[in-house]
Amino acid sequence: MLHKKFLNRFSLSQVILSSVVLYLLLAAYFVIFQGASYFHLVLPVILNIIAFNDNAQTKHTIRKNYPIVGRLRYLFESIRPEIRQYFIEGELDGKPFNRRERSIVYQRAKNEKQTVSFGMQDDPNRIGYEWASHSIYPKKVNITDFRTTIGSKECLQPYSASIYNISAMSYGALSKKAITSLNEGAKLGGFAHNTGEGGISEYHRSGGDLIWQIGTGYFGCRDENGFFSEALFAERSSYPEVKMIELKLSQGAKPGHGGLLPAEKNTPEIAKIRSIVPFTTVHSPSSHSAFSNATELVYFIQKLRKLSLGKPVGFKICIGRRDEFKDIINAMVTTGIYPDFITVDGAEGGTGAAPLEFIDYMGMALSDALVFVNRTLIQNNIRQEIKLLASGKIISAFDIAKAMALGADACYSARGMMFALGCIQALQCDSGHCPVGIATQDEQLYKAMDITDKRVRVANFHKNTMKAFGEFISACGYENASEIDPKIFHKRVEHGLNKSFAEMYFSDIIKKPANPVI
């Protein structure tokens, strides 16, 4: 009761201020009268300055009410992610990727032990659990380099792509050493590297195959007014390492959202890569200026294919309004112009920075989007003309096989490849202070990256994931990726009830056998 009466008469801030002043007076007494070192005055003086500053400021109520002590809140809040990741989260906790998912990438990238012991940690009885049916007659798969050929009948330079490639990440979002490591890793492993919409930098041209992504800013192929430049596109699409061109319509993590390159980040190097004026603020609009409807889109795709001398051209899309995608399909059927591929980006895809509303509440999840796109192409009898690429949290052999069961011919991974580089999921991509030097332009942070080591890790991750993929599909009774069937993948939809992907998504379009087995 006594302490309550005391606090009723004096606020806690007054108590704290009085305490630090008393501490200062005691220190001064011992220095002046007892011969103590003046060093003993340093701490009480600093504490007094902090305390009176906290009490005088008006922006933070908690610091005013609790001088000095209130600052601990901000300290603990700043280290909360690290405390949670290192001491609290379990194997299946952690977002966007849990510890087990991150660990398998690290292990495969480093060529370390890639097994787990004692048993599964997931709950096979939870609603939403997904699994695959194995066969008692597993096949022997000798392939470790799974590939698919991308290129329709209009394509003059079809590309034999790995079924697992590096997803779009621009130089500027990633450091020069990160981009170089990814590209050299792609060269070592024989897979492709998507440039991201920021253009083709010299760091992308380190020997690996490229998929040149073109966004609404037309970086690398734009004129002085920001419009698409046929001449620049023809020049850069002729680079021998550019194997495909991907037109970005929308991105899973922030569909329908433009971008802004601040003047201070628009260095002469960036300006040269993106064909813009240095030290100027450059906007990436939310929509393309080269076309405004579905018909104009397919004709633009045809133009890109001709200007690139027949290289595969496709577009990337996060499904939002279904009617708009159907309009694009109708335009393809009407004109007879087909893209060589469509990249389906799920809402769970990653980004360096985006508003919360776009990351969490915009766009269709990858599984639903893949099914919708695949079904729409099948229903319009044009599935054979177009290859489907999938992107969005695909890092394991199961993820790849699942995407292929839903319709994908090949897959992308961005964050998986970042983990291979050494990303620790610090969630600092938008701060410019990535602690491992990947998502930053701070030389003091990225100079520690050893390209000769990181490129090997990227190649190892791809190689070991493809090996795991071969083992996985062989256990399911398949010899190659094209045989994967949605009927062997299952999902627990309610307690006591599992449904196969074939039943859930394709029951009305899967042909029944002419002579059923009796």
Protein backbone atom coordinates (compact mmCIF):
# COMPACT_ATOMS: atom_id res chain seq x y z
CA MET A 1 0.00 0.00 0.00
CA LEU A 2 2.90 2.31 0.81
CA HIS A 3 4.36 2.12 -2.70
CA LYS A 4 0.93 2.89 -4.23
CA LYS A 5 0.54 6.00 -2.06
CA PHE A 6 4.07 7.03 -3.03
CA LEU A 7 3.37 6.64 -6.76
CA ASN A 8 0.09 8.53 -6.36
CA ARG A 9 2.01 11.57 -5.11
CA PHE A 10 4.91 11.27 -7.55
CA SER A 11 4.85 10.15 -11.17
CA LEU A 12 7.23 7.40 -12.21
CA SER A 13 9.06 9.84 -14.45
CA GLN A 14 9.71 12.06 -11.41
CA VAL A 15 11.02 9.07 -9.48
CA ILE A 16 13.38 8.11 -12.30
CA LEU A 17 14.60 11.68 -12.78
CA SER A 18 15.17 12.08 -9.04
CA SER A 19 17.08 8.77 -8.96
CA VAL A 20 19.50 9.72 -11.75
CA VAL A 21 20.08 13.15 -10.19
CA LEU A 22 20.79 11.48 -6.84
CA TYR A 23 23.13 9.08 -8.60
CA LEU A 24 24.98 12.04 -10.13
CA LEU A 25 25.23 13.84 -6.76
CA LEU A 26 26.59 10.72 -5.05
CA ALA A 27 29.17 10.24 -7.79
CA ALA A 28 30.19 13.90 -7.53
CA TYR A 29 30.55 13.56 -3.74
CA PHE A 30 32.93 10.61 -4.06
CA VAL A 31 34.95 12.38 -6.76
CA ILE A 32 35.26 15.68 -4.85
CA PHE A 33 35.55 14.53 -1.25
CA GLN A 34 36.78 10.94 -1.46
CA GLY A 35 39.31 11.33 -4.27
CA ALA A 36 37.56 8.99 -6.70
CA SER A 37 38.40 9.17 -10.43
CA TYR A 38 36.50 11.62 -12.60
CA PHE A 39 35.71 8.61 -14.78
CA HIS A 40 33.00 7.73 -12.25
CA LEU A 41 31.08 10.83 -13.35
CA VAL A 42 30.75 9.72 -17.00
CA LEU A 43 27.89 7.27 -16.57
CA PRO A 44 25.71 9.41 -14.24
CA VAL A 45 26.19 12.46 -16.51
CA ILE A 46 25.14 10.45 -19.57
CA LEU A 47 22.13 9.01 -17.75
CA ASN A 48 21.05 12.47 -16.62
CA ILE A 49 21.29 13.85 -20.16
CA ILE A 50 19.24 10.92 -21.52
CA ALA A 51 16.66 11.15 -18.73
CA PHE A 52 16.03 14.88 -19.06
CA ASN A 53 16.00 14.61 -22.86
CA ASP A 54 13.36 11.86 -22.64
CA ASN A 55 11.30 13.93 -20.23
CA ALA A 56 11.49 17.05 -22.41
CA GLN A 57 10.68 15.46 -25.80
CA THR A 58 7.05 15.18 -26.95
CA LYS A 59 7.09 12.56 -29.72
CA HIS A 60 7.18 9.38 -27.62
CA THR A 61 4.82 9.12 -24.66
CA ILE A 62 6.47 6.01 -23.29
CA ARG A 63 9.86 7.76 -23.08
CA LYS A 64 8.30 10.78 -21.39
CA ASN A 65 6.48 8.67 -18.81
CA TYR A 66 9.40 6.29 -18.28
CA PRO A 67 12.71 8.12 -18.96
CA ILE A 68 15.62 5.79 -19.78
CA VAL A 69 13.58 2.66 -18.91
CA GLY A 70 11.14 3.35 -21.74
CA ARG A 71 13.98 3.08 -24.23
CA LEU A 72 14.28 -0.62 -23.42
CA ARG A 73 11.04 -1.18 -25.30
CA TYR A 74 12.62 0.00 -28.54
CA LEU A 75 15.73 -2.06 -27.88
CA PHE A 76 13.78 -5.28 -27.31
CA GLU A 77 11.50 -4.54 -30.25
CA SER A 78 14.51 -4.09 -32.55
CA ILE A 79 16.00 -7.48 -31.64
CA ARG A 80 12.67 -9.32 -31.44
CA PRO A 81 13.04 -11.06 -34.86
CA GLU A 82 16.49 -12.36 -33.93
CA ILE A 83 15.35 -13.52 -30.48
CA ARG A 84 12.40 -15.34 -32.04
CA GLN A 85 14.43 -16.94 -34.85
CA TYR A 86 17.34 -18.11 -32.73
CA PHE A 87 15.71 -19.02 -29.43
CA ILE A 88 11.95 -19.43 -29.76
CA GLU A 89 10.71 -20.64 -33.14
CA GLY A 90 10.37 -24.39 -33.76
CA GLU A 91 11.31 -26.36 -36.85
CA LEU A 92 7.98 -25.66 -38.55
CA ASP A 93 7.60 -22.07 -37.34
CA GLY A 94 8.97 -19.00 -39.04
CA LYS A 95 7.57 -17.00 -41.92
CA PRO A 96 7.71 -16.84 -44.88
CA PHE A 97 9.95 -19.94 -44.68
CA ASN A 98 10.22 -22.14 -41.62
CA ARG A 99 13.47 -23.37 -40.18
CA ARG A 100 13.28 -26.80 -41.80
CA GLU A 101 12.77 -25.27 -45.24
CA ARG A 102 15.69 -22.91 -44.79
CA SER A 103 17.89 -25.67 -43.42
CA ILE A 104 17.40 -28.01 -46.38
CA VAL A 105 18.51 -25.25 -48.75
CA TYR A 106 21.61 -24.54 -46.66
CA GLN A 107 22.47 -28.24 -46.53
CA ARG A 108 22.05 -28.78 -50.25
CA ALA A 109 23.96 -25.62 -51.11
CA LYS A 110 26.88 -26.69 -48.91
CA ASN A 111 26.75 -30.36 -49.98
CA GLU A 112 26.20 -31.34 -46.38
CA LYS A 113 24.00 -34.02 -44.80
CA GLN A 114 20.56 -33.70 -46.34
CA THR A 115 18.57 -36.10 -44.19
CA VAL A 116 16.41 -35.69 -41.10
CA SER A 117 15.98 -38.20 -38.32
CA PHE A 118 13.47 -39.82 -35.99
CA GLY A 119 10.31 -39.03 -37.94
CA MET A 120 8.05 -36.39 -39.43
CA GLN A 121 7.37 -33.20 -37.50
CA ASP A 122 4.35 -32.07 -39.50
CA ASP A 123 0.90 -33.33 -38.52
CA PRO A 124 -0.50 -35.59 -41.26
CA ASN A 125 -3.98 -35.33 -39.75
CA ARG A 126 -4.27 -31.55 -39.94
CA ILE A 127 -6.63 -30.04 -42.48
CA GLY A 128 -4.60 -28.77 -45.41
CA TYR A 129 -1.85 -31.42 -45.14
CA GLU A 130 -0.61 -32.43 -48.61
CA TRP A 131 1.13 -35.65 -49.58
CA ALA A 132 2.01 -37.89 -52.54
CA SER A 133 1.15 -41.54 -53.19
CA HIS A 134 4.21 -43.71 -53.65
CA SER A 135 4.34 -46.84 -55.79
CA ILE A 136 5.34 -50.33 -54.71
CA TYR A 137 7.04 -50.50 -58.11
CA PRO A 138 9.40 -47.52 -58.00
CA LYS A 139 11.32 -46.69 -61.16
CA LYS A 140 15.02 -46.10 -61.51
CA VAL A 141 15.63 -42.50 -62.58
CA ASN A 142 19.08 -41.84 -63.98
CA ILE A 143 18.27 -38.27 -65.09
CA THR A 144 19.60 -35.47 -62.93
CA ASP A 145 19.25 -32.70 -65.51
CA PHE A 146 15.50 -32.44 -66.06
CA ARG A 147 14.67 -30.11 -68.96
CA THR A 148 11.76 -28.89 -71.06
CA THR A 149 11.84 -27.20 -74.45
CA ILE A 150 10.17 -23.79 -74.57
CA GLY A 151 9.12 -22.43 -77.94
CA SER A 152 5.90 -22.60 -79.96
CA LYS A 153 5.63 -23.16 -83.71
CA GLU A 154 6.27 -19.41 -84.23
CA CYS A 155 9.51 -19.56 -82.25
CA LEU A 156 12.70 -19.78 -84.30
CA GLN A 157 15.09 -20.22 -81.38
CA PRO A 158 13.46 -22.62 -78.89
CA TYR A 159 15.25 -22.98 -75.56
CA SER A 160 15.89 -26.16 -73.62
CA ALA A 161 15.31 -24.95 -70.07
CA SER A 162 15.95 -26.64 -66.77
CA ILE A 163 12.75 -27.32 -64.86
CA TYR A 164 14.20 -25.25 -61.97
CA ASN A 165 15.58 -21.75 -62.55
CA ILE A 166 16.46 -18.50 -60.77
CA SER A 167 13.46 -16.19 -60.50
CA ALA A 168 13.42 -12.47 -61.24
CA MET A 169 15.69 -10.32 -59.07
CA SER A 170 17.10 -7.05 -60.40
CA TYR A 171 20.51 -5.55 -59.94
CA GLY A 172 19.77 -2.71 -57.57
CA ALA A 173 17.50 -4.86 -55.45
CA LEU A 174 20.44 -7.27 -55.10
CA SER A 175 24.10 -6.40 -54.85
CA LYS A 176 26.55 -6.80 -57.73
CA LYS A 177 28.23 -9.72 -55.98
CA ALA A 178 24.91 -11.47 -55.40
CA ILE A 179 23.90 -11.09 -59.06
CA THR A 180 27.31 -12.28 -60.27
CA SER A 181 27.20 -15.30 -57.94
CA LEU A 182 23.73 -16.27 -59.14
CA ASN A 183 24.66 -15.97 -62.79
CA GLU A 184 27.91 -17.87 -62.47
CA GLY A 185 26.06 -20.50 -60.45
CA ALA A 186 23.51 -20.79 -63.27
CA LYS A 187 26.38 -21.31 -65.71
CA LEU A 188 27.92 -24.04 -63.56
CA GLY A 189 24.59 -25.80 -63.10
CA GLY A 190 23.15 -25.35 -66.59
CA PHE A 191 19.99 -23.47 -65.63
CA ALA A 192 18.58 -20.02 -66.40
CA HIS A 193 18.73 -16.72 -64.53
CA ASN A 194 15.86 -14.22 -64.77
CA THR A 195 17.20 -10.65 -64.83
CA GLY A 196 14.27 -9.00 -63.06
CA GLU A 197 12.75 -5.85 -64.56
CA GLY A 198 15.79 -3.67 -63.78
CA GLY A 199 17.55 -4.48 -67.03
CA ILE A 200 20.61 -6.49 -68.04
CA SER A 201 23.64 -5.44 -66.03
CA GLU A 202 27.23 -6.50 -66.63
CA TYR A 203 26.87 -8.70 -63.55
CA HIS A 204 24.10 -10.65 -65.29
CA ARG A 205 26.46 -11.32 -68.18
CA SER A 206 28.81 -13.67 -66.37
CA GLY A 207 28.20 -16.69 -68.57
CA GLY A 208 24.84 -18.00 -67.41
CA ASP A 209 21.72 -18.21 -69.59
CA LEU A 210 19.38 -15.23 -69.16
CA ILE A 211 15.65 -14.71 -69.23
CA TRP A 212 15.29 -10.98 -69.83
CA GLN A 213 12.32 -9.60 -67.94
CA ILE A 214 10.69 -6.41 -69.19
CA GLY A 215 8.38 -4.50 -66.86
CA THR A 216 6.28 -1.37 -67.16
CA GLY A 217 9.37 0.84 -66.95
CA TYR A 218 10.91 -0.85 -70.03
CA PHE A 219 14.31 -0.58 -68.36
CA GLY A 220 17.05 -1.29 -70.85
CA CYS A 221 14.72 -0.83 -73.82
CA ARG A 222 13.09 2.57 -73.30
CA ASP A 223 13.42 5.91 -75.08
CA GLU A 224 14.02 9.27 -73.43
CA ASN A 225 10.28 9.63 -72.71
CA GLY A 226 9.97 6.26 -70.99
CA PHE A 227 8.24 4.45 -73.86
CA PHE A 228 9.27 1.13 -75.40
CA SER A 229 12.20 1.41 -77.79
CA GLU A 230 12.26 -1.16 -80.60
CA ALA A 231 15.88 -0.35 -81.47
CA LEU A 232 17.21 -0.85 -77.94
CA PHE A 233 15.15 -4.00 -77.47
CA ALA A 234 16.43 -5.48 -80.73
CA GLU A 235 20.00 -4.68 -79.74
CA ARG A 236 19.90 -6.19 -76.25
CA SER A 237 17.67 -9.14 -77.06
CA SER A 238 20.36 -10.19 -79.54
CA TYR A 239 22.83 -10.82 -76.71
CA PRO A 240 23.77 -14.50 -77.03
CA GLU A 241 23.13 -15.18 -73.34
CA VAL A 242 19.54 -13.90 -73.60
CA LYS A 243 17.60 -17.09 -74.26
CA MET A 244 14.03 -15.92 -73.54
CA ILE A 245 12.08 -12.71 -72.98
CA GLU A 246 9.49 -12.41 -70.21
CA LEU A 247 7.00 -9.54 -70.25
CA LYS A 248 5.95 -8.77 -66.69
CA LEU A 249 2.26 -7.93 -66.35
CA SER A 250 2.07 -8.34 -62.59
CA GLN A 251 3.99 -9.76 -59.64
CA GLY A 252 2.60 -12.01 -56.95
CA ALA A 253 3.85 -10.00 -53.99
CA LYS A 254 2.54 -6.67 -55.27
CA PRO A 255 0.22 -7.07 -58.29
CA GLY A 256 -0.98 -3.80 -59.79
CA HIS A 257 1.61 -1.77 -57.90
CA GLY A 258 4.17 0.43 -59.62
CA GLY A 259 7.57 1.44 -58.33
CA LEU A 260 9.83 4.42 -57.77
CA LEU A 261 13.58 4.76 -58.22
CA PRO A 262 14.68 7.74 -56.09
CA ALA A 263 17.16 10.18 -57.63
CA GLU A 264 19.81 9.41 -55.02
CA LYS A 265 19.77 5.70 -55.98
CA ASN A 266 19.82 6.44 -59.69
CA THR A 267 23.59 6.30 -60.10
CA PRO A 268 25.34 6.59 -63.49
CA GLU A 269 25.82 2.80 -63.45
CA ILE A 270 22.13 2.11 -62.80
CA ALA A 271 21.13 4.77 -65.34
CA LYS A 272 23.24 3.15 -68.06
CA ILE A 273 21.75 -0.28 -67.40
CA ARG A 274 18.18 1.03 -67.38
CA SER A 275 18.54 3.57 -70.22
CA ILE A 276 17.53 6.51 -68.04
CA VAL A 277 19.01 9.86 -67.02
CA PRO A 278 21.18 9.58 -63.87
CA PHE A 279 20.26 11.34 -60.62
CA THR A 280 16.61 11.74 -61.64
CA THR A 281 13.56 10.21 -59.98
CA VAL A 282 12.11 7.52 -62.26
CA HIS A 283 8.61 6.09 -61.88
CA SER A 284 7.61 2.57 -62.90
CA PRO A 285 3.91 2.85 -63.68
CA SER A 286 1.45 0.20 -62.57
CA SER A 287 0.47 -0.60 -66.17
CA HIS A 288 2.15 -0.85 -69.57
CA SER A 289 2.11 1.99 -72.09
CA ALA A 290 2.83 -0.29 -75.08
CA PHE A 291 -0.63 -1.90 -74.93
CA SER A 292 -3.96 -1.28 -73.22
CA ASN A 293 -6.04 -4.40 -73.90
CA ALA A 294 -5.72 -8.13 -74.53
CA THR A 295 -5.52 -7.89 -78.32
CA GLU A 296 -2.81 -5.25 -78.21
CA LEU A 297 -0.94 -7.43 -75.69
CA VAL A 298 -0.75 -10.46 -78.00
CA TYR A 299 0.32 -8.29 -80.93
CA PHE A 300 3.03 -6.78 -78.71
CA ILE A 301 4.21 -10.31 -77.88
CA GLN A 302 4.39 -11.02 -81.61
CA LYS A 303 6.43 -7.84 -82.09
CA LEU A 304 8.89 -8.86 -79.35
CA ARG A 305 9.31 -12.27 -80.95
CA LYS A 306 10.09 -10.73 -84.34
CA LEU A 307 12.46 -8.10 -82.93
CA SER A 308 14.34 -10.79 -80.98
CA LEU A 309 14.66 -12.87 -84.15
CA GLY A 310 12.40 -15.62 -82.95
CA LYS A 311 13.45 -16.13 -79.33
CA PRO A 312 10.80 -17.50 -76.94
CA VAL A 313 8.57 -14.72 -75.57
CA GLY A 314 6.07 -15.04 -72.75
CA PHE A 315 4.48 -13.06 -69.97
CA LYS A 316 4.41 -13.20 -66.19
CA ILE A 317 1.14 -12.75 -64.37
CA CYS A 318 -0.35 -12.99 -60.90
CA ILE A 319 -3.97 -13.97 -61.40
CA GLY A 320 -6.44 -11.45 -60.08
CA ARG A 321 -9.59 -10.89 -62.10
CA ARG A 322 -10.26 -14.13 -63.94
CA ASP A 323 -12.24 -12.44 -66.71
CA GLU A 324 -9.19 -10.41 -67.70
CA PHE A 325 -7.06 -13.54 -68.15
CA LYS A 326 -9.86 -15.15 -70.14
CA ASP A 327 -9.89 -12.07 -72.37
CA ILE A 328 -6.19 -12.64 -73.07
CA ILE A 329 -6.89 -16.28 -73.98
CA ASN A 330 -9.75 -15.22 -76.26
CA ALA A 331 -7.41 -12.75 -77.98
CA MET A 332 -4.90 -15.55 -78.53
CA VAL A 333 -7.54 -17.82 -80.05
CA THR A 334 -8.94 -15.03 -82.23
CA THR A 335 -5.58 -13.82 -83.57
CA GLY A 336 -3.77 -17.14 -83.59
CA ILE A 337 -0.86 -15.49 -81.75
CA TYR A 338 0.39 -17.43 -78.74
CA PRO A 339 3.13 -16.67 -76.24
CA ASP A 340 5.74 -19.37 -75.92
CA PHE A 341 5.23 -19.51 -72.17
CA ILE A 342 3.21 -18.04 -69.31
CA THR A 343 4.78 -17.56 -65.90
CA VAL A 344 2.20 -17.90 -63.13
CA ASP A 345 3.32 -16.04 -60.02
CA GLY A 346 1.51 -16.89 -56.80
CA ALA A 347 0.43 -14.33 -54.23
CA GLU A 348 2.90 -15.95 -51.82
CA GLY A 349 5.81 -14.81 -54.01
CA GLY A 350 8.52 -12.61 -52.57
CA THR A 351 9.63 -9.02 -53.00
CA GLY A 352 12.18 -6.61 -51.61
CA ALA A 353 9.51 -4.11 -50.57
CA ALA A 354 5.74 -3.75 -50.94
CA PRO A 355 2.80 -2.34 -48.96
CA LEU A 356 1.31 -4.78 -46.45
CA GLU A 357 -2.08 -4.69 -48.17
CA PHE A 358 -0.51 -5.91 -51.40
CA ILE A 359 1.70 -8.60 -49.84
CA ASP A 360 -1.03 -10.13 -47.67
CA TYR A 361 -4.32 -9.43 -49.40
CA MET A 362 -3.82 -9.15 -53.16
CA GLY A 363 -3.67 -11.84 -55.83
CA MET A 364 -4.40 -15.56 -56.13
CA ALA A 365 -2.31 -18.26 -54.44
CA LEU A 366 -0.06 -20.27 -56.73
CA SER A 367 -1.93 -23.59 -56.53
CA ASP A 368 -5.28 -22.03 -57.40
CA ALA A 369 -3.73 -19.84 -60.10
CA LEU A 370 -1.88 -22.71 -61.76
CA VAL A 371 -5.03 -24.80 -61.85
CA PHE A 372 -7.07 -21.92 -63.27
CA VAL A 373 -4.53 -21.10 -66.00
CA ASN A 374 -3.97 -24.77 -66.88
CA ARG A 375 -7.70 -25.50 -67.08
CA THR A 376 -8.37 -22.38 -69.14
CA LEU A 377 -5.71 -23.33 -71.69
CA ILE A 378 -7.01 -26.91 -71.88
CA GLN A 379 -10.61 -25.78 -72.30
CA ASN A 380 -9.57 -23.54 -75.19
CA ASN A 381 -7.49 -26.32 -76.83
CA ILE A 382 -4.26 -24.29 -76.75
CA ARG A 383 -2.42 -25.96 -73.88
CA GLN A 384 -0.06 -27.66 -76.34
CA GLU A 385 1.03 -24.26 -77.67
CA ILE A 386 2.16 -22.78 -74.37
CA LYS A 387 4.50 -23.89 -71.59
CA LEU A 388 3.66 -22.94 -68.01
CA LEU A 389 6.26 -21.75 -65.51
CA ALA A 390 5.42 -21.53 -61.81
CA SER A 391 6.82 -19.14 -59.22
CA GLY A 392 6.08 -18.70 -55.52
CA LYS A 393 7.77 -20.44 -52.54
CA ILE A 394 9.13 -23.37 -54.55
CA ILE A 395 12.27 -24.67 -52.88
CA SER A 396 11.98 -28.46 -52.45
CA ALA A 397 11.51 -31.43 -54.76
CA PHE A 398 7.97 -31.83 -53.41
CA ASP A 399 7.20 -28.20 -54.26
CA ILE A 400 8.40 -28.72 -57.84
CA ALA A 401 6.52 -32.00 -58.30
CA LYS A 402 3.35 -30.50 -56.82
CA ALA A 403 3.53 -27.51 -59.19
CA MET A 404 4.01 -29.86 -62.13
CA ALA A 405 1.04 -31.96 -61.05
CA LEU A 406 -1.07 -28.79 -61.20
CA GLY A 407 0.16 -27.92 -64.69
CA ALA A 408 3.63 -26.37 -64.55
CA ASP A 409 6.28 -27.43 -67.06
CA ALA A 410 9.08 -25.66 -65.16
CA CYS A 411 9.57 -23.65 -61.99
CA TYR A 412 11.35 -20.59 -60.65
CA SER A 413 12.83 -19.86 -57.24
CA ALA A 414 14.08 -16.51 -55.96
CA ARG A 415 14.29 -16.81 -52.19
CA GLY A 416 15.50 -20.41 -52.40
CA MET A 417 18.46 -19.19 -54.44
CA MET A 418 18.98 -16.36 -51.95
CA PHE A 419 19.17 -18.91 -49.13
CA ALA A 420 21.77 -20.76 -51.21
CA LEU A 421 23.76 -17.51 -51.29
CA GLY A 422 23.56 -17.27 -47.50
CA CYS A 423 20.35 -15.30 -46.84
CA ILE A 424 19.34 -15.70 -43.17
CA GLN A 425 15.76 -14.36 -43.57
CA ALA A 426 16.61 -11.24 -41.57
CA LEU A 427 13.64 -9.49 -43.27
CA GLN A 428 15.76 -6.39 -43.92
CA CYS A 429 15.50 -6.41 -47.73
CA ASP A 430 13.86 -2.98 -47.86
CA SER A 431 16.30 -1.33 -45.45
CA GLY A 432 19.46 -1.42 -47.55
CA HIS A 433 21.20 -3.07 -44.59
CA CYS A 434 21.03 -6.77 -45.49
CA PRO A 435 23.51 -8.30 -43.00
CA VAL A 436 24.83 -10.87 -45.49
CA GLY A 437 25.36 -8.45 -48.37
CA ILE A 438 22.71 -9.85 -50.73
CA ALA A 439 19.88 -7.28 -50.80
CA THR A 440 21.97 -4.14 -50.39
CA GLN A 441 24.15 -1.68 -52.27
CA ASP A 442 26.33 -1.01 -49.24
CA GLU A 443 29.86 -2.05 -50.20
CA GLN A 444 30.79 -2.53 -46.57
CA LEU A 445 28.15 -5.27 -46.37
CA TYR A 446 28.57 -7.04 -49.71
CA LYS A 447 32.36 -6.93 -49.93
CA ALA A 448 32.55 -9.95 -47.61
CA MET A 449 30.75 -12.15 -50.16
CA ASP A 450 33.10 -14.58 -51.90
CA ILE A 451 31.77 -15.12 -55.42
CA THR A 452 33.90 -18.22 -55.98
CA ASP A 453 32.21 -19.86 -52.99
CA LYS A 454 28.69 -18.54 -53.45
CA ARG A 455 28.40 -19.53 -57.13
CA VAL A 456 29.25 -23.13 -56.21
CA ARG A 457 26.61 -23.10 -53.49
CA VAL A 458 23.97 -21.93 -55.96
CA ALA A 459 24.95 -24.67 -58.41
CA ASN A 460 25.01 -27.26 -55.60
CA PHE A 461 21.54 -26.30 -54.43
CA HIS A 462 20.17 -26.76 -57.94
CA LYS A 463 22.02 -30.04 -58.51
CA ASN A 464 20.98 -31.58 -55.19
CA THR A 465 17.38 -30.41 -55.56
CA MET A 466 17.22 -32.04 -59.00
CA LYS A 467 18.70 -35.22 -57.51
CA ALA A 468 16.03 -35.14 -54.78
CA PHE A 469 13.38 -34.53 -57.44
CA GLY A 470 14.51 -37.62 -59.35
CA GLU A 471 14.38 -39.74 -56.21
CA PHE A 472 10.94 -38.35 -55.35
CA ILE A 473 9.27 -39.05 -58.69
CA SER A 474 10.91 -42.47 -58.95
CA ALA A 475 9.31 -43.41 -55.62
CA CYS A 476 5.99 -42.34 -57.16
CA GLY A 477 6.54 -44.70 -60.09
CA TYR A 478 7.63 -42.19 -62.72
CA GLU A 479 10.74 -42.02 -64.89
CA ASN A 480 10.51 -38.41 -66.04
CA ALA A 481 8.81 -35.17 -65.06
CA SER A 482 6.27 -35.22 -67.88
CA GLU A 483 4.60 -38.30 -66.39
CA ILE A 484 3.62 -36.60 -63.11
CA ASP A 485 -0.12 -36.92 -62.61
CA PRO A 486 -2.40 -34.95 -60.26
CA LYS A 487 -4.07 -38.18 -59.15
CA ILE A 488 -1.10 -39.13 -56.96
CA PHE A 489 -1.11 -35.88 -54.97
CA HIS A 490 -3.59 -35.58 -52.12
CA LYS A 491 -4.86 -32.99 -49.68
CA ARG A 492 -6.73 -33.47 -46.41
CA VAL A 493 -9.80 -31.29 -46.94
CA GLU A 494 -11.56 -32.22 -43.70
CA HIS A 495 -11.11 -34.67 -40.86
CA GLY A 496 -11.31 -38.19 -42.24
CA LEU A 497 -11.38 -37.08 -45.88
CA ASN A 498 -8.54 -36.77 -48.39
CA LYS A 499 -8.98 -35.79 -52.03
CA SER A 500 -6.55 -36.13 -54.88
CA PHE A 501 -5.61 -33.09 -56.93
CA ALA A 502 -7.31 -34.81 -59.88
CA GLU A 503 -10.59 -34.98 -57.95
CA MET A 504 -10.26 -31.46 -56.59
CA TYR A 505 -9.26 -29.63 -59.74
CA PHE A 506 -9.54 -31.68 -62.91
CA SER A 507 -12.37 -34.19 -62.47
CA ASP A 508 -14.44 -32.71 -65.31
CA ILE A 509 -11.65 -32.55 -67.88
CA ILE A 510 -9.63 -35.72 -67.23
CA LYS A 511 -10.54 -38.34 -69.80
CA LYS A 512 -11.73 -41.69 -68.47
CA PRO A 513 -9.97 -44.80 -69.85
CA ALA A 514 -11.79 -46.41 -72.78
CA ASN A 515 -11.40 -49.90 -71.31
CA PRO A 516 -11.48 -49.74 -67.54
CA VAL A 517 -9.52 -52.39 -65.70
CA ILE A 518 -11.81 -54.95 -64.08
